[in-house]
Protein backbone atom coordinates (compact mmCIF):
# COMPACT_ATOMS: atom_id res chain seq x y z
CA MET A 1 -2.39 -8.35 10.56
CA ILE A 2 -0.42 -10.28 7.98
CA THR A 3 -1.17 -13.99 8.00
CA ALA A 4 1.14 -16.88 7.21
CA GLY A 5 -0.36 -17.18 3.73
CA GLN A 6 0.57 -13.60 2.98
CA THR A 7 4.22 -13.90 3.93
CA ALA A 8 4.99 -15.65 0.64
CA SER A 9 3.93 -12.49 -1.21
CA LYS A 10 6.25 -9.56 -1.68
CA LEU A 11 5.68 -7.06 1.12
CA VAL A 12 6.74 -3.48 0.46
CA GLU A 13 7.15 -1.30 3.53
CA TYR A 14 7.39 2.46 3.81
CA ALA A 15 8.25 3.86 7.22
CA ALA A 16 8.66 7.27 8.74
CA LYS A 17 6.53 8.45 11.65
CA HIS A 18 3.87 6.09 10.30
CA ARG A 19 4.23 2.83 8.42
CA LEU A 20 2.48 1.58 5.29
CA VAL A 21 2.86 -2.04 4.23
CA PHE A 22 1.65 -3.20 0.82
CA GLU A 23 1.27 -6.85 -0.14
CA GLU A 24 2.50 -6.04 -3.61
CA ASN A 25 1.66 -9.34 -5.30
CA GLY A 26 -1.93 -9.12 -4.07
CA CYS A 27 -2.48 -5.66 -5.57
CA LYS A 28 -4.75 -5.58 -8.64
CA GLY A 29 -3.90 -2.00 -9.51
CA CYS A 30 -7.51 -0.88 -9.10
CA ASP A 31 -6.34 2.67 -8.24
CA LEU A 32 -8.93 3.15 -5.48
CA CYS A 33 -6.32 3.88 -2.80
CA VAL A 34 -4.67 6.43 -5.08
CA TRP A 35 -7.94 8.34 -5.49
CA VAL A 36 -8.92 8.27 -1.81
CA CYS A 37 -5.53 9.38 -0.37
CA PRO A 38 -6.00 12.94 0.95
CA LYS A 39 -2.26 13.67 0.66
CA ASN A 40 -1.89 12.31 -2.91
CA ILE A 41 1.18 10.27 -1.99
CA LEU A 42 0.09 6.99 -3.60
CA LYS A 43 0.40 6.12 -7.28
CA LEU A 44 0.52 3.10 -9.54
CA ASP A 45 4.02 2.12 -10.60
CA LEU A 46 3.55 2.03 -14.37
CA ASP A 47 7.14 0.80 -14.87
CA ARG A 48 6.63 -2.50 -13.03
CA VAL A 49 4.16 -5.35 -12.82
CA ASN A 50 3.59 -7.72 -9.91
CA ALA A 51 3.26 -11.51 -9.97
CA LYS A 52 -0.35 -11.23 -11.16
CA GLY A 53 0.57 -8.89 -14.02
CA TYR A 54 -0.80 -5.67 -12.51
CA ASN A 55 0.91 -2.36 -11.83
CA PRO A 56 1.31 -2.21 -8.03
CA VAL A 57 0.72 0.83 -5.87
CA VAL A 58 3.72 2.71 -4.45
CA CYS A 59 4.12 5.53 -1.96
CA ASP A 60 5.81 8.70 -3.19
CA ASN A 61 6.44 10.42 0.14
CA ILE A 62 5.83 8.55 3.37
CA ASP A 63 6.80 11.66 5.36
CA ASP A 64 3.52 13.28 4.26
CA CYS A 65 1.40 10.31 5.35
CA THR A 66 -1.06 11.09 8.15
CA ALA A 67 -1.96 7.41 8.70
CA CYS A 68 -5.63 8.18 8.13
CA GLY A 69 -6.13 4.60 6.94
CA MET A 70 -8.39 5.50 4.03
CA CYS A 71 -6.23 3.50 1.61
CA ALA A 72 -6.50 0.37 3.74
CA LYS A 73 -10.24 0.82 4.24
CA ILE A 74 -11.04 1.19 0.54
CA CYS A 75 -8.76 -1.62 -0.69
CA PRO A 76 -11.07 -4.40 -1.91
CA ASP A 77 -8.39 -7.05 -1.38
CA SER A 78 -7.06 -5.84 1.99
CA VAL A 79 -3.45 -5.67 0.81
CA ILE A 80 -2.62 -2.42 2.65
CA MET A 81 -1.76 -2.17 6.33
CA VAL A 82 -1.35 1.17 8.13
CA GLU A 83 0.38 1.58 11.49
CA ARG A 84 0.32 4.87 13.33
CA ASP A 85 3.38 6.17 15.14
CA ALA A 86 5.66 3.33 14.01
CA LYS A 87 9.05 4.29 15.33
C-alpha cells in the first residue's frame, strides 16, 4: 500500500492484465529486481536519473508480466507494488 508520505514521490505505473507501480524517486538503482525477474522485463533506465540521482527501474513489456511479485519481494526499499489481475 502506498502511504501519504509516498504520494509526493513520482509513481510510475504499468498496467495490462497485471499492474506494477514503481515509486521512482525512491529507487536506488540497485538492479536486484532486474536480476530476479523471471521474464526479464525490468531494466534500469540509463538515460534518466531520479530525484536522488540514481537510474530508476523501468518495465519493458508489462504484457509479459506474470505478477509473481519477486521484484517487490527483493526490493530493499519497498518501492515496487504488484497487483494481480488489475483490470
